[in-house]
Amino acid sequence: SMLSVRNVRASFGGFLALDDVSLEL
């Protein structure tokens, strides 16, 4: 695996922009 994203969450104020995102490259 070069890049592993696990259960990422990100928000701007009250807006949830990323909701439990996982990705494998």
PDBML (XML) file of the C-alpha atoms, coordinates in Angstrom:
<?xml version="1.0" encoding="UTF-8" ?>
<PDBx:datablock datablockName="MODEL"
   xmlns:PDBx="http://pdbml.pdb.org/schema/pdbx-v50.xsd"
   xmlns:xsi="http://www.w3.org/2001/XMLSchema-instance"
   xsi:schemaLocation="http://pdbml.pdb.org/schema/pdbx-v50.xsd pdbx-v50.xsd">
   <PDBx:atom_siteCategory>
      <PDBx:atom_site id="1">
         <PDBx:B_iso_or_equiv>0.00</PDBx:B_iso_or_equiv>
         <PDBx:Cartn_x>0.000</PDBx:Cartn_x>
         <PDBx:Cartn_y>0.000</PDBx:Cartn_y>
         <PDBx:Cartn_z>0.000</PDBx:Cartn_z>
         <PDBx:auth_asym_id>A</PDBx:auth_asym_id>
         <PDBx:auth_atom_id>CA</PDBx:auth_atom_id>
         <PDBx:auth_comp_id>SER</PDBx:auth_comp_id>
         <PDBx:auth_seq_id>1</PDBx:auth_seq_id>
         <PDBx:group_PDB>ATOM</PDBx:group_PDB>
         <PDBx:label_alt_id xsi:nil="true" />
         <PDBx:label_asym_id>A</PDBx:label_asym_id>
         <PDBx:label_atom_id>CA</PDBx:label_atom_id>
         <PDBx:label_comp_id>SER</PDBx:label_comp_id>
         <PDBx:label_entity_id>1</PDBx:label_entity_id>
         <PDBx:label_seq_id>1</PDBx:label_seq_id>
         <PDBx:occupancy>1.00</PDBx:occupancy>
         <PDBx:pdbx_PDB_model_num>1</PDBx:pdbx_PDB_model_num>
         <PDBx:type_symbol>C</PDBx:type_symbol>
      </PDBx:atom_site>
      <PDBx:atom_site id="2">
         <PDBx:B_iso_or_equiv>0.00</PDBx:B_iso_or_equiv>
         <PDBx:Cartn_x>1.301</PDBx:Cartn_x>
         <PDBx:Cartn_y>3.457</PDBx:Cartn_y>
         <PDBx:Cartn_z>-0.941</PDBx:Cartn_z>
         <PDBx:auth_asym_id>A</PDBx:auth_asym_id>
         <PDBx:auth_atom_id>CA</PDBx:auth_atom_id>
         <PDBx:auth_comp_id>MET</PDBx:auth_comp_id>
         <PDBx:auth_seq_id>2</PDBx:auth_seq_id>
         <PDBx:group_PDB>ATOM</PDBx:group_PDB>
         <PDBx:label_alt_id xsi:nil="true" />
         <PDBx:label_asym_id>A</PDBx:label_asym_id>
         <PDBx:label_atom_id>CA</PDBx:label_atom_id>
         <PDBx:label_comp_id>MET</PDBx:label_comp_id>
         <PDBx:label_entity_id>1</PDBx:label_entity_id>
         <PDBx:label_seq_id>2</PDBx:label_seq_id>
         <PDBx:occupancy>1.00</PDBx:occupancy>
         <PDBx:pdbx_PDB_model_num>1</PDBx:pdbx_PDB_model_num>
         <PDBx:type_symbol>C</PDBx:type_symbol>
      </PDBx:atom_site>
      <PDBx:atom_site id="3">
         <PDBx:B_iso_or_equiv>0.00</PDBx:B_iso_or_equiv>
         <PDBx:Cartn_x>-1.541</PDBx:Cartn_x>
         <PDBx:Cartn_y>5.421</PDBx:Cartn_y>
         <PDBx:Cartn_z>0.644</PDBx:Cartn_z>
         <PDBx:auth_asym_id>A</PDBx:auth_asym_id>
         <PDBx:auth_atom_id>CA</PDBx:auth_atom_id>
         <PDBx:auth_comp_id>LEU</PDBx:auth_comp_id>
         <PDBx:auth_seq_id>3</PDBx:auth_seq_id>
         <PDBx:group_PDB>ATOM</PDBx:group_PDB>
         <PDBx:label_alt_id xsi:nil="true" />
         <PDBx:label_asym_id>A</PDBx:label_asym_id>
         <PDBx:label_atom_id>CA</PDBx:label_atom_id>
         <PDBx:label_comp_id>LEU</PDBx:label_comp_id>
         <PDBx:label_entity_id>1</PDBx:label_entity_id>
         <PDBx:label_seq_id>3</PDBx:label_seq_id>
         <PDBx:occupancy>1.00</PDBx:occupancy>
         <PDBx:pdbx_PDB_model_num>1</PDBx:pdbx_PDB_model_num>
         <PDBx:type_symbol>C</PDBx:type_symbol>
      </PDBx:atom_site>
      <PDBx:atom_site id="4">
         <PDBx:B_iso_or_equiv>0.00</PDBx:B_iso_or_equiv>
         <PDBx:Cartn_x>-4.094</PDBx:Cartn_x>
         <PDBx:Cartn_y>4.224</PDBx:Cartn_y>
         <PDBx:Cartn_z>3.180</PDBx:Cartn_z>
         <PDBx:auth_asym_id>A</PDBx:auth_asym_id>
         <PDBx:auth_atom_id>CA</PDBx:auth_atom_id>
         <PDBx:auth_comp_id>SER</PDBx:auth_comp_id>
         <PDBx:auth_seq_id>4</PDBx:auth_seq_id>
         <PDBx:group_PDB>ATOM</PDBx:group_PDB>
         <PDBx:label_alt_id xsi:nil="true" />
         <PDBx:label_asym_id>A</PDBx:label_asym_id>
         <PDBx:label_atom_id>CA</PDBx:label_atom_id>
         <PDBx:label_comp_id>SER</PDBx:label_comp_id>
         <PDBx:label_entity_id>1</PDBx:label_entity_id>
         <PDBx:label_seq_id>4</PDBx:label_seq_id>
         <PDBx:occupancy>1.00</PDBx:occupancy>
         <PDBx:pdbx_PDB_model_num>1</PDBx:pdbx_PDB_model_num>
         <PDBx:type_symbol>C</PDBx:type_symbol>
      </PDBx:atom_site>
      <PDBx:atom_site id="5">
         <PDBx:B_iso_or_equiv>0.00</PDBx:B_iso_or_equiv>
         <PDBx:Cartn_x>-6.999</PDBx:Cartn_x>
         <PDBx:Cartn_y>6.412</PDBx:Cartn_y>
         <PDBx:Cartn_z>4.337</PDBx:Cartn_z>
         <PDBx:auth_asym_id>A</PDBx:auth_asym_id>
         <PDBx:auth_atom_id>CA</PDBx:auth_atom_id>
         <PDBx:auth_comp_id>VAL</PDBx:auth_comp_id>
         <PDBx:auth_seq_id>5</PDBx:auth_seq_id>
         <PDBx:group_PDB>ATOM</PDBx:group_PDB>
         <PDBx:label_alt_id xsi:nil="true" />
         <PDBx:label_asym_id>A</PDBx:label_asym_id>
         <PDBx:label_atom_id>CA</PDBx:label_atom_id>
         <PDBx:label_comp_id>VAL</PDBx:label_comp_id>
         <PDBx:label_entity_id>1</PDBx:label_entity_id>
         <PDBx:label_seq_id>5</PDBx:label_seq_id>
         <PDBx:occupancy>1.00</PDBx:occupancy>
         <PDBx:pdbx_PDB_model_num>1</PDBx:pdbx_PDB_model_num>
         <PDBx:type_symbol>C</PDBx:type_symbol>
      </PDBx:atom_site>
      <PDBx:atom_site id="6">
         <PDBx:B_iso_or_equiv>0.00</PDBx:B_iso_or_equiv>
         <PDBx:Cartn_x>-9.041</PDBx:Cartn_x>
         <PDBx:Cartn_y>4.977</PDBx:Cartn_y>
         <PDBx:Cartn_z>7.210</PDBx:Cartn_z>
         <PDBx:auth_asym_id>A</PDBx:auth_asym_id>
         <PDBx:auth_atom_id>CA</PDBx:auth_atom_id>
         <PDBx:auth_comp_id>ARG</PDBx:auth_comp_id>
         <PDBx:auth_seq_id>6</PDBx:auth_seq_id>
         <PDBx:group_PDB>ATOM</PDBx:group_PDB>
         <PDBx:label_alt_id xsi:nil="true" />
         <PDBx:label_asym_id>A</PDBx:label_asym_id>
         <PDBx:label_atom_id>CA</PDBx:label_atom_id>
         <PDBx:label_comp_id>ARG</PDBx:label_comp_id>
         <PDBx:label_entity_id>1</PDBx:label_entity_id>
         <PDBx:label_seq_id>6</PDBx:label_seq_id>
         <PDBx:occupancy>1.00</PDBx:occupancy>
         <PDBx:pdbx_PDB_model_num>1</PDBx:pdbx_PDB_model_num>
         <PDBx:type_symbol>C</PDBx:type_symbol>
      </PDBx:atom_site>
      <PDBx:atom_site id="7">
         <PDBx:B_iso_or_equiv>0.00</PDBx:B_iso_or_equiv>
         <PDBx:Cartn_x>-12.418</PDBx:Cartn_x>
         <PDBx:Cartn_y>6.214</PDBx:Cartn_y>
         <PDBx:Cartn_z>8.510</PDBx:Cartn_z>
         <PDBx:auth_asym_id>A</PDBx:auth_asym_id>
         <PDBx:auth_atom_id>CA</PDBx:auth_atom_id>
         <PDBx:auth_comp_id>ASN</PDBx:auth_comp_id>
         <PDBx:auth_seq_id>7</PDBx:auth_seq_id>
         <PDBx:group_PDB>ATOM</PDBx:group_PDB>
         <PDBx:label_alt_id xsi:nil="true" />
         <PDBx:label_asym_id>A</PDBx:label_asym_id>
         <PDBx:label_atom_id>CA</PDBx:label_atom_id>
         <PDBx:label_comp_id>ASN</PDBx:label_comp_id>
         <PDBx:label_entity_id>1</PDBx:label_entity_id>
         <PDBx:label_seq_id>7</PDBx:label_seq_id>
         <PDBx:occupancy>1.00</PDBx:occupancy>
         <PDBx:pdbx_PDB_model_num>1</PDBx:pdbx_PDB_model_num>
         <PDBx:type_symbol>C</PDBx:type_symbol>
      </PDBx:atom_site>
      <PDBx:atom_site id="8">
         <PDBx:B_iso_or_equiv>0.00</PDBx:B_iso_or_equiv>
         <PDBx:Cartn_x>-11.670</PDBx:Cartn_x>
         <PDBx:Cartn_y>9.875</PDBx:Cartn_y>
         <PDBx:Cartn_z>7.877</PDBx:Cartn_z>
         <PDBx:auth_asym_id>A</PDBx:auth_asym_id>
         <PDBx:auth_atom_id>CA</PDBx:auth_atom_id>
         <PDBx:auth_comp_id>VAL</PDBx:auth_comp_id>
         <PDBx:auth_seq_id>8</PDBx:auth_seq_id>
         <PDBx:group_PDB>ATOM</PDBx:group_PDB>
         <PDBx:label_alt_id xsi:nil="true" />
         <PDBx:label_asym_id>A</PDBx:label_asym_id>
         <PDBx:label_atom_id>CA</PDBx:label_atom_id>
         <PDBx:label_comp_id>VAL</PDBx:label_comp_id>
         <PDBx:label_entity_id>1</PDBx:label_entity_id>
         <PDBx:label_seq_id>8</PDBx:label_seq_id>
         <PDBx:occupancy>1.00</PDBx:occupancy>
         <PDBx:pdbx_PDB_model_num>1</PDBx:pdbx_PDB_model_num>
         <PDBx:type_symbol>C</PDBx:type_symbol>
      </PDBx:atom_site>
      <PDBx:atom_site id="9">
         <PDBx:B_iso_or_equiv>0.00</PDBx:B_iso_or_equiv>
         <PDBx:Cartn_x>-14.170</PDBx:Cartn_x>
         <PDBx:Cartn_y>12.533</PDBx:Cartn_y>
         <PDBx:Cartn_z>8.910</PDBx:Cartn_z>
         <PDBx:auth_asym_id>A</PDBx:auth_asym_id>
         <PDBx:auth_atom_id>CA</PDBx:auth_atom_id>
         <PDBx:auth_comp_id>ARG</PDBx:auth_comp_id>
         <PDBx:auth_seq_id>9</PDBx:auth_seq_id>
         <PDBx:group_PDB>ATOM</PDBx:group_PDB>
         <PDBx:label_alt_id xsi:nil="true" />
         <PDBx:label_asym_id>A</PDBx:label_asym_id>
         <PDBx:label_atom_id>CA</PDBx:label_atom_id>
         <PDBx:label_comp_id>ARG</PDBx:label_comp_id>
         <PDBx:label_entity_id>1</PDBx:label_entity_id>
         <PDBx:label_seq_id>9</PDBx:label_seq_id>
         <PDBx:occupancy>1.00</PDBx:occupancy>
         <PDBx:pdbx_PDB_model_num>1</PDBx:pdbx_PDB_model_num>
         <PDBx:type_symbol>C</PDBx:type_symbol>
      </PDBx:atom_site>
      <PDBx:atom_site id="10">
         <PDBx:B_iso_or_equiv>0.00</PDBx:B_iso_or_equiv>
         <PDBx:Cartn_x>-13.843</PDBx:Cartn_x>
         <PDBx:Cartn_y>16.264</PDBx:Cartn_y>
         <PDBx:Cartn_z>8.213</PDBx:Cartn_z>
         <PDBx:auth_asym_id>A</PDBx:auth_asym_id>
         <PDBx:auth_atom_id>CA</PDBx:auth_atom_id>
         <PDBx:auth_comp_id>ALA</PDBx:auth_comp_id>
         <PDBx:auth_seq_id>10</PDBx:auth_seq_id>
         <PDBx:group_PDB>ATOM</PDBx:group_PDB>
         <PDBx:label_alt_id xsi:nil="true" />
         <PDBx:label_asym_id>A</PDBx:label_asym_id>
         <PDBx:label_atom_id>CA</PDBx:label_atom_id>
         <PDBx:label_comp_id>ALA</PDBx:label_comp_id>
         <PDBx:label_entity_id>1</PDBx:label_entity_id>
         <PDBx:label_seq_id>10</PDBx:label_seq_id>
         <PDBx:occupancy>1.00</PDBx:occupancy>
         <PDBx:pdbx_PDB_model_num>1</PDBx:pdbx_PDB_model_num>
         <PDBx:type_symbol>C</PDBx:type_symbol>
      </PDBx:atom_site>
      <PDBx:atom_site id="11">
         <PDBx:B_iso_or_equiv>0.00</PDBx:B_iso_or_equiv>
         <PDBx:Cartn_x>-16.235</PDBx:Cartn_x>
         <PDBx:Cartn_y>19.162</PDBx:Cartn_y>
         <PDBx:Cartn_z>8.602</PDBx:Cartn_z>
         <PDBx:auth_asym_id>A</PDBx:auth_asym_id>
         <PDBx:auth_atom_id>CA</PDBx:auth_atom_id>
         <PDBx:auth_comp_id>SER</PDBx:auth_comp_id>
         <PDBx:auth_seq_id>11</PDBx:auth_seq_id>
         <PDBx:group_PDB>ATOM</PDBx:group_PDB>
         <PDBx:label_alt_id xsi:nil="true" />
         <PDBx:label_asym_id>A</PDBx:label_asym_id>
         <PDBx:label_atom_id>CA</PDBx:label_atom_id>
         <PDBx:label_comp_id>SER</PDBx:label_comp_id>
         <PDBx:label_entity_id>1</PDBx:label_entity_id>
         <PDBx:label_seq_id>11</PDBx:label_seq_id>
         <PDBx:occupancy>1.00</PDBx:occupancy>
         <PDBx:pdbx_PDB_model_num>1</PDBx:pdbx_PDB_model_num>
         <PDBx:type_symbol>C</PDBx:type_symbol>
      </PDBx:atom_site>
      <PDBx:atom_site id="12">
         <PDBx:B_iso_or_equiv>0.00</PDBx:B_iso_or_equiv>
         <PDBx:Cartn_x>-16.644</PDBx:Cartn_x>
         <PDBx:Cartn_y>22.889</PDBx:Cartn_y>
         <PDBx:Cartn_z>7.966</PDBx:Cartn_z>
         <PDBx:auth_asym_id>A</PDBx:auth_asym_id>
         <PDBx:auth_atom_id>CA</PDBx:auth_atom_id>
         <PDBx:auth_comp_id>PHE</PDBx:auth_comp_id>
         <PDBx:auth_seq_id>12</PDBx:auth_seq_id>
         <PDBx:group_PDB>ATOM</PDBx:group_PDB>
         <PDBx:label_alt_id xsi:nil="true" />
         <PDBx:label_asym_id>A</PDBx:label_asym_id>
         <PDBx:label_atom_id>CA</PDBx:label_atom_id>
         <PDBx:label_comp_id>PHE</PDBx:label_comp_id>
         <PDBx:label_entity_id>1</PDBx:label_entity_id>
         <PDBx:label_seq_id>12</PDBx:label_seq_id>
         <PDBx:occupancy>1.00</PDBx:occupancy>
         <PDBx:pdbx_PDB_model_num>1</PDBx:pdbx_PDB_model_num>
         <PDBx:type_symbol>C</PDBx:type_symbol>
      </PDBx:atom_site>
      <PDBx:atom_site id="13">
         <PDBx:B_iso_or_equiv>0.00</PDBx:B_iso_or_equiv>
         <PDBx:Cartn_x>-18.678</PDBx:Cartn_x>
         <PDBx:Cartn_y>24.359</PDBx:Cartn_y>
         <PDBx:Cartn_z>10.780</PDBx:Cartn_z>
         <PDBx:auth_asym_id>A</PDBx:auth_asym_id>
         <PDBx:auth_atom_id>CA</PDBx:auth_atom_id>
         <PDBx:auth_comp_id>GLY</PDBx:auth_comp_id>
         <PDBx:auth_seq_id>13</PDBx:auth_seq_id>
         <PDBx:group_PDB>ATOM</PDBx:group_PDB>
         <PDBx:label_alt_id xsi:nil="true" />
         <PDBx:label_asym_id>A</PDBx:label_asym_id>
         <PDBx:label_atom_id>CA</PDBx:label_atom_id>
         <PDBx:label_comp_id>GLY</PDBx:label_comp_id>
         <PDBx:label_entity_id>1</PDBx:label_entity_id>
         <PDBx:label_seq_id>13</PDBx:label_seq_id>
         <PDBx:occupancy>1.00</PDBx:occupancy>
         <PDBx:pdbx_PDB_model_num>1</PDBx:pdbx_PDB_model_num>
         <PDBx:type_symbol>C</PDBx:type_symbol>
      </PDBx:atom_site>
      <PDBx:atom_site id="14">
         <PDBx:B_iso_or_equiv>0.00</PDBx:B_iso_or_equiv>
         <PDBx:Cartn_x>-21.742</PDBx:Cartn_x>
         <PDBx:Cartn_y>22.151</PDBx:Cartn_y>
         <PDBx:Cartn_z>11.020</PDBx:Cartn_z>
         <PDBx:auth_asym_id>A</PDBx:auth_asym_id>
         <PDBx:auth_atom_id>CA</PDBx:auth_atom_id>
         <PDBx:auth_comp_id>GLY</PDBx:auth_comp_id>
         <PDBx:auth_seq_id>14</PDBx:auth_seq_id>
         <PDBx:group_PDB>ATOM</PDBx:group_PDB>
         <PDBx:label_alt_id xsi:nil="true" />
         <PDBx:label_asym_id>A</PDBx:label_asym_id>
         <PDBx:label_atom_id>CA</PDBx:label_atom_id>
         <PDBx:label_comp_id>GLY</PDBx:label_comp_id>
         <PDBx:label_entity_id>1</PDBx:label_entity_id>
         <PDBx:label_seq_id>14</PDBx:label_seq_id>
         <PDBx:occupancy>1.00</PDBx:occupancy>
         <PDBx:pdbx_PDB_model_num>1</PDBx:pdbx_PDB_model_num>
         <PDBx:type_symbol>C</PDBx:type_symbol>
      </PDBx:atom_site>
      <PDBx:atom_site id="15">
         <PDBx:B_iso_or_equiv>0.00</PDBx:B_iso_or_equiv>
         <PDBx:Cartn_x>-21.322</PDBx:Cartn_x>
         <PDBx:Cartn_y>20.656</PDBx:Cartn_y>
         <PDBx:Cartn_z>7.543</PDBx:Cartn_z>
         <PDBx:auth_asym_id>A</PDBx:auth_asym_id>
         <PDBx:auth_atom_id>CA</PDBx:auth_atom_id>
         <PDBx:auth_comp_id>PHE</PDBx:auth_comp_id>
         <PDBx:auth_seq_id>15</PDBx:auth_seq_id>
         <PDBx:group_PDB>ATOM</PDBx:group_PDB>
         <PDBx:label_alt_id xsi:nil="true" />
         <PDBx:label_asym_id>A</PDBx:label_asym_id>
         <PDBx:label_atom_id>CA</PDBx:label_atom_id>
         <PDBx:label_comp_id>PHE</PDBx:label_comp_id>
         <PDBx:label_entity_id>1</PDBx:label_entity_id>
         <PDBx:label_seq_id>15</PDBx:label_seq_id>
         <PDBx:occupancy>1.00</PDBx:occupancy>
         <PDBx:pdbx_PDB_model_num>1</PDBx:pdbx_PDB_model_num>
         <PDBx:type_symbol>C</PDBx:type_symbol>
      </PDBx:atom_site>
      <PDBx:atom_site id="16">
         <PDBx:B_iso_or_equiv>0.00</PDBx:B_iso_or_equiv>
         <PDBx:Cartn_x>-19.869</PDBx:Cartn_x>
         <PDBx:Cartn_y>17.143</PDBx:Cartn_y>
         <PDBx:Cartn_z>7.443</PDBx:Cartn_z>
         <PDBx:auth_asym_id>A</PDBx:auth_asym_id>
         <PDBx:auth_atom_id>CA</PDBx:auth_atom_id>
         <PDBx:auth_comp_id>LEU</PDBx:auth_comp_id>
         <PDBx:auth_seq_id>16</PDBx:auth_seq_id>
         <PDBx:group_PDB>ATOM</PDBx:group_PDB>
         <PDBx:label_alt_id xsi:nil="true" />
         <PDBx:label_asym_id>A</PDBx:label_asym_id>
         <PDBx:label_atom_id>CA</PDBx:label_atom_id>
         <PDBx:label_comp_id>LEU</PDBx:label_comp_id>
         <PDBx:label_entity_id>1</PDBx:label_entity_id>
         <PDBx:label_seq_id>16</PDBx:label_seq_id>
         <PDBx:occupancy>1.00</PDBx:occupancy>
         <PDBx:pdbx_PDB_model_num>1</PDBx:pdbx_PDB_model_num>
         <PDBx:type_symbol>C</PDBx:type_symbol>
      </PDBx:atom_site>
      <PDBx:atom_site id="17">
         <PDBx:B_iso_or_equiv>0.00</PDBx:B_iso_or_equiv>
         <PDBx:Cartn_x>-17.736</PDBx:Cartn_x>
         <PDBx:Cartn_y>17.133</PDBx:Cartn_y>
         <PDBx:Cartn_z>4.277</PDBx:Cartn_z>
         <PDBx:auth_asym_id>A</PDBx:auth_asym_id>
         <PDBx:auth_atom_id>CA</PDBx:auth_atom_id>
         <PDBx:auth_comp_id>ALA</PDBx:auth_comp_id>
         <PDBx:auth_seq_id>17</PDBx:auth_seq_id>
         <PDBx:group_PDB>ATOM</PDBx:group_PDB>
         <PDBx:label_alt_id xsi:nil="true" />
         <PDBx:label_asym_id>A</PDBx:label_asym_id>
         <PDBx:label_atom_id>CA</PDBx:label_atom_id>
         <PDBx:label_comp_id>ALA</PDBx:label_comp_id>
         <PDBx:label_entity_id>1</PDBx:label_entity_id>
         <PDBx:label_seq_id>17</PDBx:label_seq_id>
         <PDBx:occupancy>1.00</PDBx:occupancy>
         <PDBx:pdbx_PDB_model_num>1</PDBx:pdbx_PDB_model_num>
         <PDBx:type_symbol>C</PDBx:type_symbol>
      </PDBx:atom_site>
      <PDBx:atom_site id="18">
         <PDBx:B_iso_or_equiv>0.00</PDBx:B_iso_or_equiv>
         <PDBx:Cartn_x>-16.175</PDBx:Cartn_x>
         <PDBx:Cartn_y>13.689</PDBx:Cartn_y>
         <PDBx:Cartn_z>4.778</PDBx:Cartn_z>
         <PDBx:auth_asym_id>A</PDBx:auth_asym_id>
         <PDBx:auth_atom_id>CA</PDBx:auth_atom_id>
         <PDBx:auth_comp_id>LEU</PDBx:auth_comp_id>
         <PDBx:auth_seq_id>18</PDBx:auth_seq_id>
         <PDBx:group_PDB>ATOM</PDBx:group_PDB>
         <PDBx:label_alt_id xsi:nil="true" />
         <PDBx:label_asym_id>A</PDBx:label_asym_id>
         <PDBx:label_atom_id>CA</PDBx:label_atom_id>
         <PDBx:label_comp_id>LEU</PDBx:label_comp_id>
         <PDBx:label_entity_id>1</PDBx:label_entity_id>
         <PDBx:label_seq_id>18</PDBx:label_seq_id>
         <PDBx:occupancy>1.00</PDBx:occupancy>
         <PDBx:pdbx_PDB_model_num>1</PDBx:pdbx_PDB_model_num>
         <PDBx:type_symbol>C</PDBx:type_symbol>
      </PDBx:atom_site>
      <PDBx:atom_site id="19">
         <PDBx:B_iso_or_equiv>0.00</PDBx:B_iso_or_equiv>
         <PDBx:Cartn_x>-18.097</PDBx:Cartn_x>
         <PDBx:Cartn_y>10.970</PDBx:Cartn_y>
         <PDBx:Cartn_z>6.581</PDBx:Cartn_z>
         <PDBx:auth_asym_id>A</PDBx:auth_asym_id>
         <PDBx:auth_atom_id>CA</PDBx:auth_atom_id>
         <PDBx:auth_comp_id>ASP</PDBx:auth_comp_id>
         <PDBx:auth_seq_id>19</PDBx:auth_seq_id>
         <PDBx:group_PDB>ATOM</PDBx:group_PDB>
         <PDBx:label_alt_id xsi:nil="true" />
         <PDBx:label_asym_id>A</PDBx:label_asym_id>
         <PDBx:label_atom_id>CA</PDBx:label_atom_id>
         <PDBx:label_comp_id>ASP</PDBx:label_comp_id>
         <PDBx:label_entity_id>1</PDBx:label_entity_id>
         <PDBx:label_seq_id>19</PDBx:label_seq_id>
         <PDBx:occupancy>1.00</PDBx:occupancy>
         <PDBx:pdbx_PDB_model_num>1</PDBx:pdbx_PDB_model_num>
         <PDBx:type_symbol>C</PDBx:type_symbol>
      </PDBx:atom_site>
      <PDBx:atom_site id="20">
         <PDBx:B_iso_or_equiv>0.00</PDBx:B_iso_or_equiv>
         <PDBx:Cartn_x>-16.121</PDBx:Cartn_x>
         <PDBx:Cartn_y>7.838</PDBx:Cartn_y>
         <PDBx:Cartn_z>7.484</PDBx:Cartn_z>
         <PDBx:auth_asym_id>A</PDBx:auth_asym_id>
         <PDBx:auth_atom_id>CA</PDBx:auth_atom_id>
         <PDBx:auth_comp_id>ASP</PDBx:auth_comp_id>
         <PDBx:auth_seq_id>20</PDBx:auth_seq_id>
         <PDBx:group_PDB>ATOM</PDBx:group_PDB>
         <PDBx:label_alt_id xsi:nil="true" />
         <PDBx:label_asym_id>A</PDBx:label_asym_id>
         <PDBx:label_atom_id>CA</PDBx:label_atom_id>
         <PDBx:label_comp_id>ASP</PDBx:label_comp_id>
         <PDBx:label_entity_id>1</PDBx:label_entity_id>
         <PDBx:label_seq_id>20</PDBx:label_seq_id>
         <PDBx:occupancy>1.00</PDBx:occupancy>
         <PDBx:pdbx_PDB_model_num>1</PDBx:pdbx_PDB_model_num>
         <PDBx:type_symbol>C</PDBx:type_symbol>
      </PDBx:atom_site>
      <PDBx:atom_site id="21">
         <PDBx:B_iso_or_equiv>0.00</PDBx:B_iso_or_equiv>
         <PDBx:Cartn_x>-14.119</PDBx:Cartn_x>
         <PDBx:Cartn_y>7.750</PDBx:Cartn_y>
         <PDBx:Cartn_z>4.229</PDBx:Cartn_z>
         <PDBx:auth_asym_id>A</PDBx:auth_asym_id>
         <PDBx:auth_atom_id>CA</PDBx:auth_atom_id>
         <PDBx:auth_comp_id>VAL</PDBx:auth_comp_id>
         <PDBx:auth_seq_id>21</PDBx:auth_seq_id>
         <PDBx:group_PDB>ATOM</PDBx:group_PDB>
         <PDBx:label_alt_id xsi:nil="true" />
         <PDBx:label_asym_id>A</PDBx:label_asym_id>
         <PDBx:label_atom_id>CA</PDBx:label_atom_id>
         <PDBx:label_comp_id>VAL</PDBx:label_comp_id>
         <PDBx:label_entity_id>1</PDBx:label_entity_id>
         <PDBx:label_seq_id>21</PDBx:label_seq_id>
         <PDBx:occupancy>1.00</PDBx:occupancy>
         <PDBx:pdbx_PDB_model_num>1</PDBx:pdbx_PDB_model_num>
         <PDBx:type_symbol>C</PDBx:type_symbol>
      </PDBx:atom_site>
      <PDBx:atom_site id="22">
         <PDBx:B_iso_or_equiv>0.00</PDBx:B_iso_or_equiv>
         <PDBx:Cartn_x>-11.668</PDBx:Cartn_x>
         <PDBx:Cartn_y>4.897</PDBx:Cartn_y>
         <PDBx:Cartn_z>3.612</PDBx:Cartn_z>
         <PDBx:auth_asym_id>A</PDBx:auth_asym_id>
         <PDBx:auth_atom_id>CA</PDBx:auth_atom_id>
         <PDBx:auth_comp_id>SER</PDBx:auth_comp_id>
         <PDBx:auth_seq_id>22</PDBx:auth_seq_id>
         <PDBx:group_PDB>ATOM</PDBx:group_PDB>
         <PDBx:label_alt_id xsi:nil="true" />
         <PDBx:label_asym_id>A</PDBx:label_asym_id>
         <PDBx:label_atom_id>CA</PDBx:label_atom_id>
         <PDBx:label_comp_id>SER</PDBx:label_comp_id>
         <PDBx:label_entity_id>1</PDBx:label_entity_id>
         <PDBx:label_seq_id>22</PDBx:label_seq_id>
         <PDBx:occupancy>1.00</PDBx:occupancy>
         <PDBx:pdbx_PDB_model_num>1</PDBx:pdbx_PDB_model_num>
         <PDBx:type_symbol>C</PDBx:type_symbol>
      </PDBx:atom_site>
      <PDBx:atom_site id="23">
         <PDBx:B_iso_or_equiv>0.00</PDBx:B_iso_or_equiv>
         <PDBx:Cartn_x>-9.503</PDBx:Cartn_x>
         <PDBx:Cartn_y>4.483</PDBx:Cartn_y>
         <PDBx:Cartn_z>0.518</PDBx:Cartn_z>
         <PDBx:auth_asym_id>A</PDBx:auth_asym_id>
         <PDBx:auth_atom_id>CA</PDBx:auth_atom_id>
         <PDBx:auth_comp_id>LEU</PDBx:auth_comp_id>
         <PDBx:auth_seq_id>23</PDBx:auth_seq_id>
         <PDBx:group_PDB>ATOM</PDBx:group_PDB>
         <PDBx:label_alt_id xsi:nil="true" />
         <PDBx:label_asym_id>A</PDBx:label_asym_id>
         <PDBx:label_atom_id>CA</PDBx:label_atom_id>
         <PDBx:label_comp_id>LEU</PDBx:label_comp_id>
         <PDBx:label_entity_id>1</PDBx:label_entity_id>
         <PDBx:label_seq_id>23</PDBx:label_seq_id>
         <PDBx:occupancy>1.00</PDBx:occupancy>
         <PDBx:pdbx_PDB_model_num>1</PDBx:pdbx_PDB_model_num>
         <PDBx:type_symbol>C</PDBx:type_symbol>
      </PDBx:atom_site>
      <PDBx:atom_site id="24">
         <PDBx:B_iso_or_equiv>0.00</PDBx:B_iso_or_equiv>
         <PDBx:Cartn_x>-6.526</PDBx:Cartn_x>
         <PDBx:Cartn_y>2.334</PDBx:Cartn_y>
         <PDBx:Cartn_z>-0.470</PDBx:Cartn_z>
         <PDBx:auth_asym_id>A</PDBx:auth_asym_id>
         <PDBx:auth_atom_id>CA</PDBx:auth_atom_id>
         <PDBx:auth_comp_id>GLU</PDBx:auth_comp_id>
         <PDBx:auth_seq_id>24</PDBx:auth_seq_id>
         <PDBx:group_PDB>ATOM</PDBx:group_PDB>
         <PDBx:label_alt_id xsi:nil="true" />
         <PDBx:label_asym_id>A</PDBx:label_asym_id>
         <PDBx:label_atom_id>CA</PDBx:label_atom_id>
         <PDBx:label_comp_id>GLU</PDBx:label_comp_id>
         <PDBx:label_entity_id>1</PDBx:label_entity_id>
         <PDBx:label_seq_id>24</PDBx:label_seq_id>
         <PDBx:occupancy>1.00</PDBx:occupancy>
         <PDBx:pdbx_PDB_model_num>1</PDBx:pdbx_PDB_model_num>
         <PDBx:type_symbol>C</PDBx:type_symbol>
      </PDBx:atom_site>
      <PDBx:atom_site id="25">
         <PDBx:B_iso_or_equiv>0.00</PDBx:B_iso_or_equiv>
         <PDBx:Cartn_x>-3.975</PDBx:Cartn_x>
         <PDBx:Cartn_y>3.234</PDBx:Cartn_y>
         <PDBx:Cartn_z>-3.146</PDBx:Cartn_z>
         <PDBx:auth_asym_id>A</PDBx:auth_asym_id>
         <PDBx:auth_atom_id>CA</PDBx:auth_atom_id>
         <PDBx:auth_comp_id>LEU</PDBx:auth_comp_id>
         <PDBx:auth_seq_id>25</PDBx:auth_seq_id>
         <PDBx:group_PDB>ATOM</PDBx:group_PDB>
         <PDBx:label_alt_id xsi:nil="true" />
         <PDBx:label_asym_id>A</PDBx:label_asym_id>
         <PDBx:label_atom_id>CA</PDBx:label_atom_id>
         <PDBx:label_comp_id>LEU</PDBx:label_comp_id>
         <PDBx:label_entity_id>1</PDBx:label_entity_id>
         <PDBx:label_seq_id>25</PDBx:label_seq_id>
         <PDBx:occupancy>1.00</PDBx:occupancy>
         <PDBx:pdbx_PDB_model_num>1</PDBx:pdbx_PDB_model_num>
         <PDBx:type_symbol>C</PDBx:type_symbol>
      </PDBx:atom_site>
   </PDBx:atom_siteCategory>
</PDBx:datablock>
